[in-house]
Amino acid sequence: MRKQVFVDRLNSRRAISYRYTSVNLAGLVNIWFHKNHFVLSWEECKDGDQWNEDNYTRDQLYNFVDVDAVVKFLENSGIASEFFA
C-alpha cells in the first residue's frame, strides 16, 4: 500500500500485516495498536515450518510510541510500506 495509506491505517488503529518468502524462508510482520503504543511482531522460519515456533529463525516483538517510529524501523529494516496489505 502507499505510504500515506499505511500511515493512515496505523493512525486509525487498524492492524496490518506483511507476509513474505525468500530463499527458503517465510516470514510475517504484524503491526497493531495496544495500550497506547504500536506493537510489531516479526516472525520468520524455514518455508513450511511456520507451525513450529521452536524452529523460528526470527521471533521478535517491538513496541513503538508513534507511527513515525514504526516507519523508521521498517525503512531501516528494508521493509517498505508498499509490501503491506
N, C-alpha and C. Protein backbone atom coordinates (compact mmCIF):
# COMPACT_ATOMS: atom_id res chain seq x y z
N MET A 1 0.84 -1.18 0.00
CA MET A 1 0.00 0.00 0.00
C MET A 1 0.88 1.24 0.00
N ARG A 2 0.36 2.32 -0.49
CA ARG A 2 1.12 3.57 -0.49
C ARG A 2 1.43 3.99 0.94
N LYS A 3 2.52 4.73 1.08
CA LYS A 3 2.97 5.11 2.42
C LYS A 3 1.91 5.89 3.19
N GLN A 4 1.21 6.81 2.55
CA GLN A 4 0.21 7.60 3.26
C GLN A 4 -0.95 6.73 3.72
N VAL A 5 -1.35 5.76 2.91
CA VAL A 5 -2.42 4.84 3.30
C VAL A 5 -1.95 4.00 4.49
N PHE A 6 -0.71 3.55 4.45
CA PHE A 6 -0.10 2.79 5.54
C PHE A 6 -0.16 3.59 6.84
N VAL A 7 0.30 4.83 6.79
CA VAL A 7 0.30 5.71 7.96
C VAL A 7 -1.12 5.96 8.45
N ASP A 8 -2.04 6.23 7.54
CA ASP A 8 -3.43 6.49 7.92
C ASP A 8 -4.06 5.28 8.59
N ARG A 9 -3.78 4.09 8.08
CA ARG A 9 -4.34 2.87 8.69
C ARG A 9 -3.81 2.68 10.10
N LEU A 10 -2.53 2.89 10.29
CA LEU A 10 -1.99 2.75 11.64
C LEU A 10 -2.55 3.83 12.57
N ASN A 11 -2.64 5.04 12.08
CA ASN A 11 -3.19 6.12 12.90
C ASN A 11 -4.65 5.88 13.27
N SER A 12 -5.36 5.13 12.45
CA SER A 12 -6.76 4.80 12.76
C SER A 12 -6.85 3.53 13.62
N ARG A 13 -5.69 3.03 14.07
CA ARG A 13 -5.59 1.89 14.99
C ARG A 13 -5.99 0.56 14.35
N ARG A 14 -5.85 0.47 13.03
CA ARG A 14 -6.14 -0.78 12.33
C ARG A 14 -4.87 -1.61 12.19
N ALA A 15 -5.00 -2.89 12.40
CA ALA A 15 -3.85 -3.80 12.27
C ALA A 15 -3.52 -4.02 10.80
N ILE A 16 -2.23 -4.21 10.52
CA ILE A 16 -1.79 -4.50 9.17
C ILE A 16 -0.73 -5.60 9.23
N SER A 17 -0.56 -6.30 8.11
CA SER A 17 0.42 -7.37 8.09
C SER A 17 1.09 -7.50 6.73
N TYR A 18 2.22 -8.17 6.74
CA TYR A 18 3.01 -8.40 5.54
C TYR A 18 3.57 -9.82 5.62
N ARG A 19 3.26 -10.64 4.63
CA ARG A 19 3.81 -12.00 4.54
C ARG A 19 4.79 -12.03 3.38
N TYR A 20 5.88 -12.76 3.59
CA TYR A 20 6.89 -12.83 2.54
C TYR A 20 7.56 -14.19 2.52
N THR A 21 8.16 -14.49 1.40
CA THR A 21 9.01 -15.67 1.24
C THR A 21 10.27 -15.23 0.50
N SER A 22 11.39 -15.82 0.90
CA SER A 22 12.65 -15.53 0.21
C SER A 22 13.66 -16.62 0.55
N VAL A 23 14.24 -17.19 -0.47
CA VAL A 23 15.29 -18.21 -0.34
C VAL A 23 14.99 -19.20 0.79
N ASN A 24 13.93 -19.96 0.64
CA ASN A 24 13.53 -21.00 1.59
C ASN A 24 13.06 -20.49 2.94
N LEU A 25 12.82 -19.19 3.09
CA LEU A 25 12.31 -18.64 4.34
C LEU A 25 10.94 -18.04 4.10
N ALA A 26 10.11 -18.11 5.12
CA ALA A 26 8.81 -17.45 5.09
C ALA A 26 8.73 -16.57 6.32
N GLY A 27 8.11 -15.41 6.18
CA GLY A 27 8.03 -14.50 7.31
C GLY A 27 6.71 -13.78 7.37
N LEU A 28 6.45 -13.24 8.55
CA LEU A 28 5.23 -12.49 8.80
C LEU A 28 5.57 -11.32 9.72
N VAL A 29 5.17 -10.13 9.29
CA VAL A 29 5.31 -8.92 10.11
C VAL A 29 3.89 -8.40 10.37
N ASN A 30 3.52 -8.30 11.62
CA ASN A 30 2.22 -7.77 12.04
C ASN A 30 2.43 -6.51 12.85
N ILE A 31 1.55 -5.54 12.65
CA ILE A 31 1.60 -4.30 13.43
C ILE A 31 0.19 -3.98 13.90
N TRP A 32 0.04 -3.67 15.18
CA TRP A 32 -1.24 -3.30 15.73
C TRP A 32 -1.05 -2.33 16.89
N PHE A 33 -2.14 -1.70 17.29
CA PHE A 33 -2.11 -0.73 18.39
C PHE A 33 -2.63 -1.41 19.64
N HIS A 34 -1.91 -1.23 20.76
CA HIS A 34 -2.31 -1.86 22.02
C HIS A 34 -1.81 -1.02 23.20
N LYS A 35 -2.71 -0.63 24.05
CA LYS A 35 -2.37 0.09 25.28
C LYS A 35 -1.44 1.28 25.03
N ASN A 36 -1.86 2.17 24.18
CA ASN A 36 -1.16 3.44 23.91
C ASN A 36 0.18 3.30 23.20
N HIS A 37 0.43 2.18 22.55
CA HIS A 37 1.63 2.08 21.72
C HIS A 37 1.39 1.09 20.58
N PHE A 38 2.27 1.14 19.60
CA PHE A 38 2.20 0.24 18.46
C PHE A 38 3.11 -0.95 18.73
N VAL A 39 2.60 -2.13 18.42
CA VAL A 39 3.33 -3.37 18.61
C VAL A 39 3.64 -3.94 17.23
N LEU A 40 4.87 -4.37 17.04
CA LEU A 40 5.28 -5.00 15.79
C LEU A 40 5.86 -6.37 16.14
N SER A 41 5.29 -7.41 15.56
CA SER A 41 5.87 -8.75 15.72
C SER A 41 6.45 -9.17 14.37
N TRP A 42 7.61 -9.80 14.43
CA TRP A 42 8.29 -10.25 13.22
C TRP A 42 8.73 -11.68 13.44
N GLU A 43 8.11 -12.58 12.68
CA GLU A 43 8.41 -14.00 12.78
C GLU A 43 8.91 -14.50 11.44
N GLU A 44 9.89 -15.39 11.49
CA GLU A 44 10.46 -15.94 10.27
C GLU A 44 10.93 -17.36 10.54
N CYS A 45 10.77 -18.23 9.55
CA CYS A 45 11.19 -19.62 9.69
C CYS A 45 11.43 -20.21 8.30
N LYS A 46 11.91 -21.47 8.30
CA LYS A 46 12.03 -22.15 7.02
C LYS A 46 10.63 -22.29 6.43
N ASP A 47 10.53 -22.10 5.14
CA ASP A 47 9.23 -22.18 4.47
C ASP A 47 8.58 -23.53 4.75
N GLY A 48 7.35 -23.51 5.21
CA GLY A 48 6.62 -24.72 5.54
C GLY A 48 6.73 -25.12 7.00
N ASP A 49 7.52 -24.42 7.78
CA ASP A 49 7.74 -24.76 9.19
C ASP A 49 7.13 -23.74 10.14
N GLN A 50 6.20 -22.95 9.63
CA GLN A 50 5.65 -21.86 10.43
C GLN A 50 4.78 -22.34 11.60
N TRP A 51 4.42 -23.60 11.65
CA TRP A 51 3.60 -24.10 12.75
C TRP A 51 4.45 -24.55 13.93
N ASN A 52 5.77 -24.54 13.79
CA ASN A 52 6.66 -24.99 14.85
C ASN A 52 7.50 -23.81 15.33
N GLU A 53 7.02 -23.13 16.35
CA GLU A 53 7.69 -21.91 16.81
C GLU A 53 9.09 -22.17 17.36
N ASP A 54 9.39 -23.38 17.76
CA ASP A 54 10.73 -23.71 18.26
C ASP A 54 11.79 -23.59 17.17
N ASN A 55 11.37 -23.68 15.92
CA ASN A 55 12.32 -23.62 14.80
C ASN A 55 12.36 -22.26 14.12
N TYR A 56 11.73 -21.25 14.69
CA TYR A 56 11.76 -19.92 14.08
C TYR A 56 13.19 -19.39 14.06
N THR A 57 13.56 -18.79 12.95
CA THR A 57 14.86 -18.13 12.85
C THR A 57 14.77 -16.68 13.33
N ARG A 58 13.55 -16.17 13.41
CA ARG A 58 13.30 -14.82 13.92
C ARG A 58 11.95 -14.85 14.63
N ASP A 59 11.94 -14.35 15.86
CA ASP A 59 10.70 -14.27 16.64
C ASP A 59 10.85 -13.06 17.55
N GLN A 60 10.54 -11.89 17.00
CA GLN A 60 10.83 -10.65 17.70
C GLN A 60 9.57 -9.82 17.90
N LEU A 61 9.57 -9.07 18.98
CA LEU A 61 8.45 -8.21 19.33
C LEU A 61 9.01 -6.83 19.69
N TYR A 62 8.43 -5.80 19.09
CA TYR A 62 8.89 -4.42 19.30
C TYR A 62 7.71 -3.55 19.70
N ASN A 63 7.97 -2.51 20.47
CA ASN A 63 6.97 -1.52 20.86
C ASN A 63 7.43 -0.14 20.42
N PHE A 64 6.49 0.65 19.88
CA PHE A 64 6.80 1.99 19.40
C PHE A 64 5.77 2.97 19.93
N VAL A 65 6.21 4.19 20.19
CA VAL A 65 5.31 5.20 20.76
C VAL A 65 4.46 5.89 19.70
N ASP A 66 4.90 5.88 18.44
CA ASP A 66 4.13 6.55 17.38
C ASP A 66 4.40 5.91 16.02
N VAL A 67 3.61 6.31 15.06
CA VAL A 67 3.71 5.76 13.70
C VAL A 67 5.06 6.10 13.06
N ASP A 68 5.57 7.29 13.31
CA ASP A 68 6.86 7.67 12.73
C ASP A 68 7.97 6.71 13.15
N ALA A 69 7.94 6.26 14.38
CA ALA A 69 8.95 5.31 14.87
C ALA A 69 8.79 3.96 14.17
N VAL A 70 7.57 3.55 13.92
CA VAL A 70 7.31 2.31 13.18
C VAL A 70 7.87 2.41 11.77
N VAL A 71 7.54 3.50 11.09
CA VAL A 71 8.00 3.70 9.71
C VAL A 71 9.53 3.72 9.65
N LYS A 72 10.16 4.41 10.56
CA LYS A 72 11.63 4.49 10.58
C LYS A 72 12.24 3.10 10.79
N PHE A 73 11.69 2.32 11.72
CA PHE A 73 12.19 0.97 11.96
C PHE A 73 12.07 0.11 10.71
N LEU A 74 10.91 0.16 10.06
CA LEU A 74 10.69 -0.64 8.86
C LEU A 74 11.64 -0.24 7.74
N GLU A 75 11.81 1.06 7.54
CA GLU A 75 12.73 1.54 6.50
C GLU A 75 14.15 1.09 6.79
N ASN A 76 14.58 1.16 8.04
CA ASN A 76 15.92 0.70 8.42
C ASN A 76 16.08 -0.81 8.27
N SER A 77 14.97 -1.52 8.30
CA SER A 77 14.99 -2.98 8.17
C SER A 77 14.79 -3.43 6.72
N GLY A 78 14.62 -2.47 5.81
CA GLY A 78 14.45 -2.80 4.40
C GLY A 78 13.05 -3.26 4.03
N ILE A 79 12.06 -2.89 4.85
CA ILE A 79 10.68 -3.27 4.59
C ILE A 79 9.90 -2.01 4.21
N ALA A 80 9.40 -1.97 3.01
CA ALA A 80 8.67 -0.79 2.53
C ALA A 80 7.19 -0.91 2.87
N SER A 81 6.54 0.21 3.08
CA SER A 81 5.10 0.22 3.37
C SER A 81 4.31 -0.40 2.22
N GLU A 82 4.85 -0.35 1.01
CA GLU A 82 4.17 -0.92 -0.16
C GLU A 82 4.02 -2.45 -0.04
N PHE A 83 4.79 -3.07 0.82
CA PHE A 83 4.73 -4.53 0.98
C PHE A 83 3.49 -4.96 1.77
N PHE A 84 2.91 -4.06 2.55
CA PHE A 84 1.80 -4.40 3.43
C PHE A 84 0.47 -4.40 2.69
N ALA A 85 -0.44 -5.24 3.18
CA ALA A 85 -1.78 -5.32 2.58
C ALA A 85 -2.81 -4.88 3.59
